[in-house]
Structure formats: C-alpha cells, structure tokens
Amino acid sequence: MTATDTALAATTRRRGVFVLLGSVQATLIFTLAAIAVPLPLIGREFALGRADLILLNAAYGLTFAGLLLFGGRLADRYGGRRALTAGLVLFAAASAAAPSAPGIGALLAARFAQGAGAALIAPAAMAVLRAVLPAPTAYGRAMATWGGLSVLGATTGNLLSGVIAELLSWRWTFAVPLAVAGAALALTPRLLPDTAPNRGRALDLPGALLATAGITLASYGLVVVTGAPLRSSAGVLVPLLGGTALLGAFWYAERRARDPLLPPRFLLDRRRGLALMAIALSACGTAMTFVILSLHLQQARDWSPMRTSAAFVPFAVALIASGRAAGPLIGRYGAGTVMAAGLGTGAAGLALLALTGLDADTAYAYGLLPGLVLLPAGAAASFAGAAVLATYGVPPARTGLAAGVLNTAMEFGPTVLLAVLLTLGSDAWSLAVTAAALAAVALLNHRAERSVRAERSVRAERSVRAERSVRVK
C-alpha cells in the first residue's frame, strides 16, 4: 500500500468515525425533542395536565444535564470508548423500556434513565473525536459542524415524531434512539479507537454528588414551578432552595479540591462564558418554538400531528442550509462573529413569532413562516460558532470536561430555561423574552470580539516593534 493509499484510508476512517459519533450526538437531541409534537396525544392517553406534560418533556433533560459533568470526568478517567459503550447500553435499555410504559410513572422513569445514559455518551463521544482529530485546526472544523448537529437532531425529532405518532403511535418514536444505539454498539469495537484512560485523574466523588444533586434538584424545582404557586408550594421551594444550596456547596468545594470536577477558572474565560450562554439560549429558543407551536397548532388550530410536523419542514431546510454555510463562514470571519450574527438572526425570528405567529387567524405563510426560517438559520450559526469558542484552547486531557460543560449548557436551555420562561403565563411573552436575551448576548459578544481584536492588534504591534528593535541592535 502506497503512502497515498494509507492517507486516503485514514481520511476515510476519520470520516466514518465522525459520521458515527455525529449520528449518536444528533440522536441524543432527537430523543430530547421526540415527544414534543406527540405531547397532546400522551396527555389525552394518560389524562395529564399542562404541568405534567412540561415535566414529562423535561424529564430526559433533568438527568442528562445533572450527570454531564460527572460523565465528562468518567470519560477523561476511563477513556472515551469505554464510557461511550456503557452509556449506549443504558440508553438502549431505557429506549427499549419506554414504549411499554403503562402510565406516566413508568414513562418518566424511562426518560430519566435515557438521560443518564446520554450524560455518559455525549462527553465520551467528543473525547473519542478529539483522539481521532488531535490537530487543533481539524478539531475546530469538526466542532463547527458538531454544534449544528444538536439543532438538526431536535428538528428531526419534531418532524419524525409527528409522522410516526400519526401513522403508528407515539410509542414508536422510541424506536429511533433504540436503533441508533444498537447500531453504534455494534460498530464501536470495529470503528472507534480504544482511547487511553487517564488513571491519574481523581473522580472527585464529593463534587460529582453535589453537582448532580444540585443541578437536578434546582432544575426540577424550576420545572414544577409551572404547576404550583411559588410561595405556597413546598414541592417547589424544597427542591429549588435545596438545589441552590447544593450548587453553592459544590462551588465552594471545587475551589478547595486538588483535582476539581469543574475548575472555577474554566468558566471565567469571557468568550467561553458567552458561548455557553449562546448555546443555552439558542437551545431554549428552538425547543420553546417546537413546544409552543406544537401545542398551538394542534389545540388552537386543530391541526393533526402530521400536519404540525409538516409545518416545520422550512425550519429544517433553513437549519441545514445555515449549518452547511457556518463552517466556511467561521473560517473566514471567525467563530465569534458568526455566533453574534446567528444570535441576532435567531432573535429576529423569535420576535416575529411572538408578534404574529400565535394568532389563530393569521395565515401560516406570513404569520409563522418568516420566523420559522430566521430562527433556525440563526440557531445553526450560533451553535456552530459557540461550539468552537467553548472548546477553544482546551487540552486533550480536559476534553471530557469541555464536552460536559458544553452539553450541560445545551440541556440547560430546553430543560430549565424553557420551564422557567413558560411560567410567564403568555406564550408570546416567553418568545419575546427569549428573543431579547439572544439579542443581549449578541451585543455582549460583539463587544467581546472587538476587545479581543484590539488586544491582538496591540500584541502584533508590540511584536513588530520588538523585531525592529532587534534588527537595529
């Protein structure tokens, strides 16, 4: 075999690895969104109210977000492929159990277990990808595409779930994550490298317990606040205040830990912090749009689940087109600029939906369609730029940490922020507030990018002056 053949084979293998891991990542977010369109059908079958439906929609994200930091540490310590395999087994088992759920309790348990498996899978997949693409440039390009996979997975979940629920049953939507997890388990030993574990990393079990319990309890309290008055409900106040106290204890413990689960400095980088905010808000905006419009179209306009899914086809087209363009744009203008432009475009889409999309008498073509094109175009660009910034400069030994933080932000948006914003009492207000938040982060990021460019210019000028001074001497 010639050197050219060897290089071609290596490139083909890397592409195969990316396709496999990218499909798994998209499926994790597909599973998050897969019951959004069939929610009214599930509600009628199990006689659920709005609060119960919001909790069911959030259950997967609660354990997903709560366990992600620990999942990232497990991937760093035991190796990405081992953690990925363990997560896939749990995810597949839960996906197999969910379709047979006789009631809301069993279905909630299956969704919680799916989220726990996903919390292992997501950071492990990024750790394996980093091992396959060690060069920073190649990994950065992969991250630009990786960011858009999540929005694509959510969109596919909403589109397919309506069709599946209409033709078969909402229970069949779990066949997709089961099939993908099964295929990934079969291909993992043959296709993915056995990444080296880092036995020197401590598990930081106290930090893991505090973070998991704090994120899960606080998120649960914010989710169930929809169904109970905040001041009078112990079911809201106990988990909310308890979760907040545990997160405070986690932050204090991490400052003193020898090998912390989440080094405090990791989140103090301004560009990374803004990128994580962009991911959370963009994920919240897209998830909110699906939930609100799915309920609106089926309840206020009496649309079928299949017709509701069809309404989001332009959303998918705009998303794919923007995602394909994001990588080259990042290479030309920079990740921060693309992220800011995406945030502004997404904010405009949400604002249009808030102003015109929720009127039952407004035509689809000019009431919903403009927002359903602008929002995904902006979200795909925002995700792509933010994924690059959130992982920029992270050493290979911290890939699991970066993946855990990135995915935590991704799950925090459609789980916690969505539940909080839906308590505003008005769907239009929820969309409008999210639009304003996206615009605010876009402005902050624009200022941060100007500051970064100014600092680079000063450093470049100093370097030129130093070089001239050496030449003179």
Protein backbone atom coordinates (compact mmCIF):
# COMPACT_ATOMS: atom_id res chain seq x y z
CA MET A 1 0.00 0.00 0.00
CA THR A 2 1.39 3.39 -1.02
CA ALA A 3 1.59 6.42 1.23
CA THR A 4 -1.30 7.95 -0.74
CA ASP A 5 -3.46 4.87 -0.17
CA THR A 6 -2.62 4.90 3.53
CA ALA A 7 -3.55 8.57 3.85
CA LEU A 8 -6.79 8.00 1.95
CA ALA A 9 -7.70 5.07 4.19
CA ALA A 10 -7.00 7.16 7.30
CA THR A 11 -9.15 10.01 5.99
CA THR A 12 -11.99 7.60 5.18
CA ARG A 13 -11.77 6.10 8.66
CA ARG A 14 -11.86 9.53 10.30
CA ARG A 15 -14.95 10.42 8.28
CA GLY A 16 -16.59 7.17 9.32
CA VAL A 17 -15.85 7.91 12.97
CA PHE A 18 -17.30 11.41 12.65
CA VAL A 19 -20.45 10.11 10.93
CA LEU A 20 -20.98 7.51 13.66
CA LEU A 21 -20.35 9.86 16.57
CA GLY A 22 -22.26 12.70 14.91
CA SER A 23 -25.27 10.43 14.36
CA VAL A 24 -25.19 9.43 18.01
CA GLN A 25 -24.96 13.07 19.14
CA ALA A 26 -27.86 14.08 16.89
CA THR A 27 -29.89 11.15 18.24
CA LEU A 28 -29.37 12.30 21.82
CA ILE A 29 -31.02 15.61 20.98
CA PHE A 30 -33.59 13.86 18.76
CA THR A 31 -34.62 11.95 21.89
CA LEU A 32 -34.92 15.19 23.84
CA ALA A 33 -37.36 16.59 21.25
CA ALA A 34 -39.08 13.39 20.14
CA ILE A 35 -42.13 13.71 22.37
CA ALA A 36 -42.74 17.44 21.88
CA VAL A 37 -45.21 17.03 18.98
CA PRO A 38 -46.99 13.94 20.43
CA LEU A 39 -47.36 15.59 23.87
CA PRO A 40 -51.10 16.26 23.38
CA LEU A 41 -51.63 12.60 22.44
CA ILE A 42 -49.71 11.42 25.52
CA GLY A 43 -51.64 13.87 27.67
CA ARG A 44 -55.00 12.53 26.46
CA GLU A 45 -53.95 8.89 26.90
CA PHE A 46 -52.68 9.38 30.46
CA ALA A 47 -55.07 12.24 31.41
CA LEU A 48 -52.24 14.72 32.10
CA GLY A 49 -52.40 18.46 32.72
CA ARG A 50 -50.08 21.14 31.31
CA ALA A 51 -47.67 20.95 34.27
CA ASP A 52 -47.39 17.16 33.96
CA LEU A 53 -46.69 17.49 30.24
CA ILE A 54 -43.93 20.04 30.88
CA LEU A 55 -42.36 17.74 33.49
CA LEU A 56 -42.53 14.77 31.10
CA ASN A 57 -40.96 16.86 28.37
CA ALA A 58 -38.17 17.91 30.76
CA ALA A 59 -37.50 14.54 32.47
CA TYR A 60 -34.87 13.40 29.97
CA GLY A 61 -33.03 16.71 30.19
CA LEU A 62 -33.00 16.72 34.00
CA THR A 63 -30.75 13.68 34.38
CA PHE A 64 -28.91 14.49 31.16
CA ALA A 65 -27.88 17.93 32.47
CA GLY A 66 -27.41 16.80 36.06
CA LEU A 67 -24.95 14.00 35.26
CA LEU A 68 -23.00 15.55 32.40
CA LEU A 69 -20.10 16.92 34.45
CA PHE A 70 -19.58 13.54 36.09
CA GLY A 71 -19.96 11.85 32.72
CA GLY A 72 -17.20 14.07 31.38
CA ARG A 73 -14.88 13.12 34.25
CA LEU A 74 -15.61 9.41 33.68
CA ALA A 75 -14.74 9.81 30.00
CA ASP A 76 -11.46 11.56 30.88
CA ARG A 77 -10.51 8.98 33.53
CA TYR A 78 -11.56 5.67 31.95
CA GLY A 79 -11.29 6.52 28.27
CA GLY A 80 -13.88 7.77 25.82
CA ARG A 81 -14.73 4.44 24.17
CA ARG A 82 -15.42 2.65 27.46
CA ALA A 83 -17.64 5.44 28.75
CA LEU A 84 -19.40 5.62 25.39
CA THR A 85 -20.13 1.88 25.43
CA ALA A 86 -21.53 1.99 28.97
CA GLY A 87 -23.74 4.95 28.12
CA LEU A 88 -25.04 3.31 24.94
CA VAL A 89 -26.04 0.17 26.86
CA LEU A 90 -28.05 2.19 29.41
CA PHE A 91 -29.55 4.44 26.72
CA ALA A 92 -30.62 1.45 24.61
CA ALA A 93 -32.16 -0.36 27.59
CA ALA A 94 -34.20 2.69 28.59
CA SER A 95 -35.30 3.27 24.98
CA ALA A 96 -36.49 -0.33 24.84
CA ALA A 97 -38.46 0.03 28.09
CA ALA A 98 -40.21 3.33 27.29
CA PRO A 99 -42.65 2.06 24.59
CA SER A 100 -44.24 -0.42 27.02
CA ALA A 101 -44.87 2.16 29.76
CA PRO A 102 -48.39 1.63 31.15
CA GLY A 103 -48.57 5.06 32.75
CA ILE A 104 -46.84 8.34 33.43
CA GLY A 105 -44.66 6.91 36.24
CA ALA A 106 -43.04 4.23 34.10
CA LEU A 107 -42.60 6.63 31.19
CA LEU A 108 -40.93 9.20 33.44
CA ALA A 109 -38.58 6.54 34.81
CA ALA A 110 -37.58 5.52 31.28
CA ARG A 111 -36.96 9.12 30.29
CA PHE A 112 -34.82 9.68 33.39
CA ALA A 113 -32.77 6.57 32.54
CA GLN A 114 -32.36 7.69 28.93
CA GLY A 115 -30.96 10.98 30.18
CA ALA A 116 -28.47 9.20 32.45
CA GLY A 117 -27.20 7.17 29.51
CA ALA A 118 -26.97 10.28 27.35
CA ALA A 119 -24.90 12.02 30.05
CA LEU A 120 -22.25 9.35 29.59
CA ILE A 121 -22.48 9.25 25.81
CA ALA A 122 -22.21 12.95 24.95
CA PRO A 123 -18.84 13.80 26.59
CA ALA A 124 -17.40 10.39 25.69
CA ALA A 125 -18.22 10.92 22.02
CA MET A 126 -16.35 14.23 22.00
CA ALA A 127 -13.39 12.64 23.81
CA VAL A 128 -13.15 9.93 21.14
CA LEU A 129 -13.47 12.54 18.40
CA ARG A 130 -10.62 14.55 19.93
CA ALA A 131 -8.44 11.42 19.93
CA VAL A 132 -9.22 10.84 16.24
CA LEU A 133 -8.63 14.51 15.33
CA PRO A 134 -5.72 15.65 17.53
CA ALA A 135 -4.77 18.62 15.32
CA PRO A 136 -6.42 21.82 16.67
CA THR A 137 -7.43 23.02 13.20
CA ALA A 138 -9.13 19.75 12.24
CA TYR A 139 -10.84 19.51 15.63
CA GLY A 140 -12.04 23.11 15.34
CA ARG A 141 -13.61 22.39 11.94
CA ALA A 142 -15.28 19.33 13.39
CA MET A 143 -16.68 21.38 16.28
CA ALA A 144 -18.17 23.90 13.84
CA THR A 145 -20.20 21.05 12.34
CA TRP A 146 -20.81 19.39 15.70
CA GLY A 147 -22.60 22.46 17.04
CA GLY A 148 -25.22 22.26 14.29
CA LEU A 149 -25.87 18.55 14.84
CA SER A 150 -27.81 19.24 18.02
CA VAL A 151 -30.25 21.60 16.34
CA LEU A 152 -30.56 19.15 13.45
CA GLY A 153 -31.34 16.36 15.89
CA ALA A 154 -34.01 18.44 17.60
CA THR A 155 -35.57 19.37 14.28
CA THR A 156 -35.57 15.79 13.05
CA GLY A 157 -37.14 14.69 16.32
CA ASN A 158 -40.01 17.11 15.90
CA LEU A 159 -40.54 16.27 12.23
CA LEU A 160 -40.41 12.50 12.51
CA SER A 161 -42.25 12.21 15.82
CA GLY A 162 -45.39 13.77 14.37
CA VAL A 163 -45.36 11.47 11.36
CA ILE A 164 -44.68 8.38 13.49
CA ALA A 165 -47.37 9.32 16.01
CA GLU A 166 -49.92 9.86 13.23
CA LEU A 167 -49.18 6.69 11.27
CA LEU A 168 -48.34 4.33 14.16
CA SER A 169 -48.22 5.57 17.77
CA TRP A 170 -46.19 7.97 19.87
CA ARG A 171 -44.63 4.87 21.44
CA TRP A 172 -42.85 4.09 18.18
CA THR A 173 -40.82 7.29 18.42
CA PHE A 174 -38.52 5.43 20.82
CA ALA A 175 -37.59 3.01 18.04
CA VAL A 176 -35.23 5.61 16.54
CA PRO A 177 -32.92 6.02 19.59
CA LEU A 178 -33.03 2.26 20.16
CA ALA A 179 -31.98 1.51 16.58
CA VAL A 180 -29.17 4.10 16.58
CA ALA A 181 -27.84 2.95 19.97
CA GLY A 182 -27.88 -0.67 18.79
CA ALA A 183 -26.02 0.18 15.59
CA ALA A 184 -23.46 2.26 17.50
CA LEU A 185 -22.82 -0.59 19.94
CA ALA A 186 -22.21 -2.94 17.03
CA LEU A 187 -19.83 -0.55 15.23
CA THR A 188 -17.92 0.85 18.21
CA PRO A 189 -15.43 -2.05 18.67
CA ARG A 190 -14.58 -2.11 14.96
CA LEU A 191 -14.52 1.59 14.14
CA LEU A 192 -13.60 3.61 17.22
CA PRO A 193 -10.10 3.68 18.73
CA ASP A 194 -9.60 2.47 22.28
CA THR A 195 -8.76 5.82 23.84
CA ALA A 196 -6.23 5.71 26.67
CA PRO A 197 -7.62 6.25 30.18
CA ASN A 198 -6.10 8.81 32.50
CA ARG A 199 -5.90 6.96 35.80
CA GLY A 200 -4.21 9.95 37.41
CA ARG A 201 -7.46 11.91 37.36
CA ALA A 202 -9.43 11.66 40.59
CA LEU A 203 -13.16 11.08 40.23
CA ASP A 204 -13.96 13.88 42.72
CA LEU A 205 -16.98 11.98 44.03
CA PRO A 206 -17.99 14.71 46.51
CA GLY A 207 -18.05 17.25 43.69
CA ALA A 208 -19.91 14.83 41.42
CA LEU A 209 -22.59 14.17 44.05
CA LEU A 210 -23.02 17.85 44.87
CA ALA A 211 -23.18 18.89 41.20
CA THR A 212 -25.57 16.12 40.17
CA ALA A 213 -27.91 16.59 43.12
CA GLY A 214 -27.77 20.38 42.91
CA ILE A 215 -28.41 20.66 39.16
CA THR A 216 -31.16 18.00 39.22
CA LEU A 217 -32.98 19.37 42.28
CA ALA A 218 -32.80 23.01 41.20
CA SER A 219 -33.85 22.13 37.66
CA TYR A 220 -36.75 20.05 38.96
CA GLY A 221 -37.89 22.89 41.18
CA LEU A 222 -37.82 25.31 38.26
CA VAL A 223 -39.73 22.84 36.07
CA VAL A 224 -42.53 22.10 38.54
CA VAL A 225 -43.00 25.78 39.43
CA THR A 226 -45.25 25.85 36.36
CA GLY A 227 -47.85 23.84 38.17
CA ALA A 228 -47.81 25.40 41.64
CA PRO A 229 -47.65 28.85 43.27
CA LEU A 230 -44.03 29.56 44.21
CA ARG A 231 -44.72 30.98 47.65
CA SER A 232 -47.11 28.27 48.83
CA SER A 233 -45.77 25.06 47.39
CA ALA A 234 -43.26 23.06 49.42
CA GLY A 235 -42.91 20.80 46.38
CA VAL A 236 -41.36 23.74 44.57
CA LEU A 237 -39.45 25.51 47.34
CA VAL A 238 -37.75 22.44 48.84
CA PRO A 239 -36.04 21.23 45.65
CA LEU A 240 -35.39 24.76 44.41
CA LEU A 241 -33.75 26.01 47.60
CA GLY A 242 -32.09 22.67 48.30
CA GLY A 243 -30.63 22.52 44.80
CA THR A 244 -29.37 26.09 45.06
CA ALA A 245 -27.69 25.34 48.40
CA LEU A 246 -26.04 22.22 46.97
CA LEU A 247 -24.72 24.15 43.97
CA GLY A 248 -23.27 26.73 46.34
CA ALA A 249 -21.59 23.93 48.29
CA PHE A 250 -20.30 22.47 45.03
CA TRP A 251 -18.70 25.76 44.02
CA TYR A 252 -17.07 26.11 47.45
CA ALA A 253 -15.80 22.51 47.38
CA GLU A 254 -14.39 22.87 43.86
CA ARG A 255 -12.30 25.86 44.91
CA ARG A 256 -10.59 23.65 47.51
CA ALA A 257 -10.39 20.35 45.62
CA ARG A 258 -6.99 19.10 44.41
CA ASP A 259 -8.41 17.92 41.08
CA PRO A 260 -11.83 19.59 40.82
CA LEU A 261 -14.61 18.27 38.63
CA LEU A 262 -15.14 21.79 37.29
CA PRO A 263 -12.19 24.14 37.80
CA PRO A 264 -13.69 27.57 38.60
CA ARG A 265 -11.31 29.27 36.15
CA PHE A 266 -12.73 27.21 33.30
CA LEU A 267 -15.93 29.26 33.32
CA LEU A 268 -14.22 32.62 33.89
CA ASP A 269 -12.99 32.89 30.31
CA ARG A 270 -15.23 35.63 28.90
CA ARG A 271 -15.60 34.23 25.39
CA ARG A 272 -16.29 30.72 26.68
CA GLY A 273 -18.88 32.04 29.10
CA LEU A 274 -20.70 33.94 26.35
CA ALA A 275 -20.52 30.88 24.10
CA LEU A 276 -22.16 28.73 26.77
CA MET A 277 -24.86 31.36 27.26
CA ALA A 278 -25.44 31.41 23.49
CA ILE A 279 -25.79 27.62 23.42
CA ALA A 280 -28.26 27.57 26.32
CA LEU A 281 -30.42 30.38 24.93
CA SER A 282 -30.39 29.09 21.34
CA ALA A 283 -31.37 25.63 22.53
CA CYS A 284 -34.09 27.16 24.69
CA GLY A 285 -35.44 29.23 21.79
CA THR A 286 -35.67 26.32 19.38
CA ALA A 287 -37.17 23.96 21.98
CA MET A 288 -39.66 26.61 23.08
CA THR A 289 -40.74 27.18 19.50
CA PHE A 290 -41.39 23.49 18.99
CA VAL A 291 -43.31 23.06 22.24
CA ILE A 292 -45.40 26.23 21.95
CA LEU A 293 -46.20 25.87 18.26
CA SER A 294 -46.88 22.13 18.53
CA LEU A 295 -49.49 22.77 21.21
CA HIS A 296 -50.83 25.89 19.46
CA LEU A 297 -51.28 24.27 16.06
CA GLN A 298 -52.95 21.16 17.45
CA GLN A 299 -55.06 22.78 20.15
CA ALA A 300 -55.89 26.25 18.80
CA ARG A 301 -55.95 25.40 15.08
CA ASP A 302 -56.95 21.72 15.37
CA TRP A 303 -54.08 20.52 13.16
CA SER A 304 -53.11 16.84 13.10
CA PRO A 305 -49.67 15.74 14.36
CA MET A 306 -48.52 15.04 10.80
CA ARG A 307 -49.63 18.45 9.55
CA THR A 308 -47.94 20.02 12.56
CA SER A 309 -44.69 18.26 11.69
CA ALA A 310 -45.02 19.39 8.08
CA ALA A 311 -45.20 23.00 9.27
CA PHE A 312 -41.61 22.67 10.47
CA VAL A 313 -40.18 21.47 7.12
CA PRO A 314 -38.99 25.01 6.20
CA PHE A 315 -37.36 25.12 9.64
CA ALA A 316 -35.34 22.01 8.76
CA VAL A 317 -34.36 23.32 5.32
CA ALA A 318 -33.13 26.65 6.74
CA LEU A 319 -31.29 24.82 9.50
CA ILE A 320 -29.40 22.51 7.14
CA ALA A 321 -28.52 25.34 4.75
CA SER A 322 -27.23 27.56 7.57
CA GLY A 323 -25.32 24.68 9.15
CA ARG A 324 -23.50 23.94 5.90
CA ALA A 325 -22.58 27.58 5.47
CA ALA A 326 -21.44 28.08 9.08
CA GLY A 327 -18.11 26.24 8.79
CA PRO A 328 -16.74 28.26 5.85
CA LEU A 329 -18.05 31.48 7.41
CA ILE A 330 -16.24 30.71 10.66
CA GLY A 331 -13.05 30.11 8.72
CA ARG A 332 -13.42 33.48 7.01
CA TYR A 333 -14.86 35.76 9.69
CA GLY A 334 -14.17 33.95 12.96
CA ALA A 335 -16.33 31.95 15.36
CA GLY A 336 -17.30 34.95 17.49
CA THR A 337 -18.58 36.99 14.56
CA VAL A 338 -20.63 34.09 13.20
CA MET A 339 -22.06 33.38 16.64
CA ALA A 340 -23.11 37.01 17.12
CA ALA A 341 -24.75 37.14 13.70
CA GLY A 342 -26.58 33.90 14.43
CA LEU A 343 -27.85 35.17 17.77
CA GLY A 344 -29.18 38.35 16.16
CA THR A 345 -30.91 36.42 13.37
CA GLY A 346 -32.44 33.97 15.84
CA ALA A 347 -33.69 36.84 17.99
CA ALA A 348 -35.41 38.36 14.96
CA GLY A 349 -37.10 35.03 14.20
CA LEU A 350 -38.40 34.63 17.75
CA ALA A 351 -39.63 38.22 17.81
CA LEU A 352 -41.61 37.65 14.62
CA LEU A 353 -43.20 34.50 16.03
CA ALA A 354 -44.12 36.37 19.20
CA LEU A 355 -45.74 39.20 17.24
CA THR A 356 -47.62 37.26 14.55
CA GLY A 357 -47.32 33.51 14.94
CA LEU A 358 -49.73 32.78 17.79
CA ASP A 359 -52.85 34.36 16.33
CA ALA A 360 -55.18 31.54 15.25
CA ASP A 361 -56.49 33.70 12.41
CA THR A 362 -53.07 34.57 10.96
CA ALA A 363 -52.10 32.71 7.80
CA TYR A 364 -49.16 30.33 8.00
CA ALA A 365 -47.30 31.93 5.08
CA TYR A 366 -46.81 35.33 6.70
CA GLY A 367 -47.63 34.59 10.34
CA LEU A 368 -45.34 31.63 11.02
CA LEU A 369 -43.10 31.03 8.03
CA PRO A 370 -40.75 34.06 8.34
CA GLY A 371 -39.95 33.23 11.96
CA LEU A 372 -39.60 29.52 11.17
CA VAL A 373 -36.89 30.39 8.63
CA LEU A 374 -34.97 33.09 10.52
CA LEU A 375 -34.84 31.22 13.86
CA PRO A 376 -33.16 28.01 12.60
CA ALA A 377 -30.82 29.94 10.32
CA GLY A 378 -29.63 31.93 13.31
CA ALA A 379 -29.58 28.97 15.71
CA ALA A 380 -27.40 26.82 13.43
CA ALA A 381 -24.85 29.63 13.02
CA SER A 382 -24.94 30.40 16.74
CA PHE A 383 -24.41 26.76 17.73
CA ALA A 384 -21.54 26.34 15.27
CA GLY A 385 -19.65 29.42 16.44
CA ALA A 386 -20.35 28.77 20.11
CA ALA A 387 -19.16 25.15 19.94
CA VAL A 388 -15.82 26.32 18.56
CA LEU A 389 -15.41 29.02 21.23
CA ALA A 390 -16.49 26.75 24.09
CA THR A 391 -13.81 24.16 23.26
CA TYR A 392 -11.05 26.50 22.05
CA GLY A 393 -7.73 26.05 23.81
CA VAL A 394 -8.88 23.09 25.92
CA PRO A 395 -6.08 20.49 26.33
CA PRO A 396 -6.85 16.87 25.31
CA ALA A 397 -6.89 15.74 28.94
CA ARG A 398 -9.80 18.13 29.58
CA THR A 399 -11.89 17.18 26.55
CA GLY A 400 -14.44 15.33 28.68
CA LEU A 401 -14.77 18.39 30.92
CA ALA A 402 -15.31 20.70 27.95
CA ALA A 403 -17.84 18.30 26.44
CA GLY A 404 -19.68 18.00 29.75
CA VAL A 405 -19.92 21.77 30.19
CA LEU A 406 -20.96 22.34 26.57
CA ASN A 407 -23.67 19.70 26.72
CA THR A 408 -24.83 20.92 30.14
CA ALA A 409 -25.47 24.33 28.59
CA MET A 410 -27.22 22.62 25.69
CA GLU A 411 -29.55 20.72 28.05
CA PHE A 412 -29.99 23.59 30.50
CA GLY A 413 -31.71 25.63 27.78
CA PRO A 414 -34.54 23.31 26.72
CA THR A 415 -34.97 21.90 30.23
CA VAL A 416 -34.61 24.65 32.82
CA LEU A 417 -34.81 27.92 30.88
CA LEU A 418 -37.75 26.60 28.88
CA ALA A 419 -39.66 25.62 32.00
CA VAL A 420 -38.93 28.96 33.68
CA LEU A 421 -39.94 31.04 30.68
CA LEU A 422 -43.16 29.07 30.19
CA THR A 423 -44.23 30.22 33.66
CA LEU A 424 -44.59 33.77 32.36
CA GLY A 425 -48.18 32.92 31.56
CA SER A 426 -48.12 34.05 27.95
CA ASP A 427 -46.51 32.10 25.13
CA ALA A 428 -45.91 35.32 23.20
CA TRP A 429 -44.13 36.85 26.21
CA SER A 430 -41.97 33.73 26.56
CA LEU A 431 -40.86 34.02 22.94
CA ALA A 432 -40.29 37.76 23.24
CA VAL A 433 -38.19 37.49 26.41
CA THR A 434 -36.02 34.79 24.81
CA ALA A 435 -35.57 36.98 21.74
CA ALA A 436 -34.42 39.86 23.95
CA ALA A 437 -31.97 37.59 25.78
CA LEU A 438 -30.48 36.37 22.49
CA ALA A 439 -30.06 39.95 21.29
CA ALA A 440 -28.38 40.93 24.58
CA VAL A 441 -25.85 38.09 24.35
CA ALA A 442 -25.18 39.00 20.71
CA LEU A 443 -24.37 42.57 21.78
CA LEU A 444 -22.12 41.39 24.63
CA ASN A 445 -20.31 39.02 22.29
CA HIS A 446 -19.84 41.78 19.71
CA ARG A 447 -18.14 43.91 22.36
CA ALA A 448 -16.02 40.96 23.50
CA GLU A 449 -14.87 40.31 19.93
CA ARG A 450 -13.92 43.97 19.49
CA SER A 451 -11.90 43.76 22.69
CA VAL A 452 -10.15 40.56 21.53
CA ARG A 453 -9.29 42.12 18.16
CA ALA A 454 -7.93 45.23 19.89
CA GLU A 455 -5.76 43.12 22.19
CA ARG A 456 -4.43 41.12 19.23
CA SER A 457 -3.66 44.32 17.38
CA VAL A 458 -1.71 45.68 20.34
CA ARG A 459 0.24 42.42 20.71
CA ALA A 460 1.02 42.38 16.99
CA GLU A 461 2.22 45.97 17.11
CA ARG A 462 4.43 45.22 20.11
CA SER A 463 5.86 42.19 18.32
CA VAL A 464 6.70 44.30 15.25
CA ARG A 465 8.35 46.95 17.41
CA ALA A 466 10.37 44.31 19.26
CA GLU A 467 11.51 42.77 15.97
CA ARG A 468 12.54 46.17 14.63
CA SER A 469 14.43 46.88 17.83
CA VAL A 470 16.36 43.60 17.50
CA ARG A 471 17.23 44.43 13.89
CA VAL A 472 18.51 47.88 14.85
CA LYS A 473 20.75 46.40 17.54
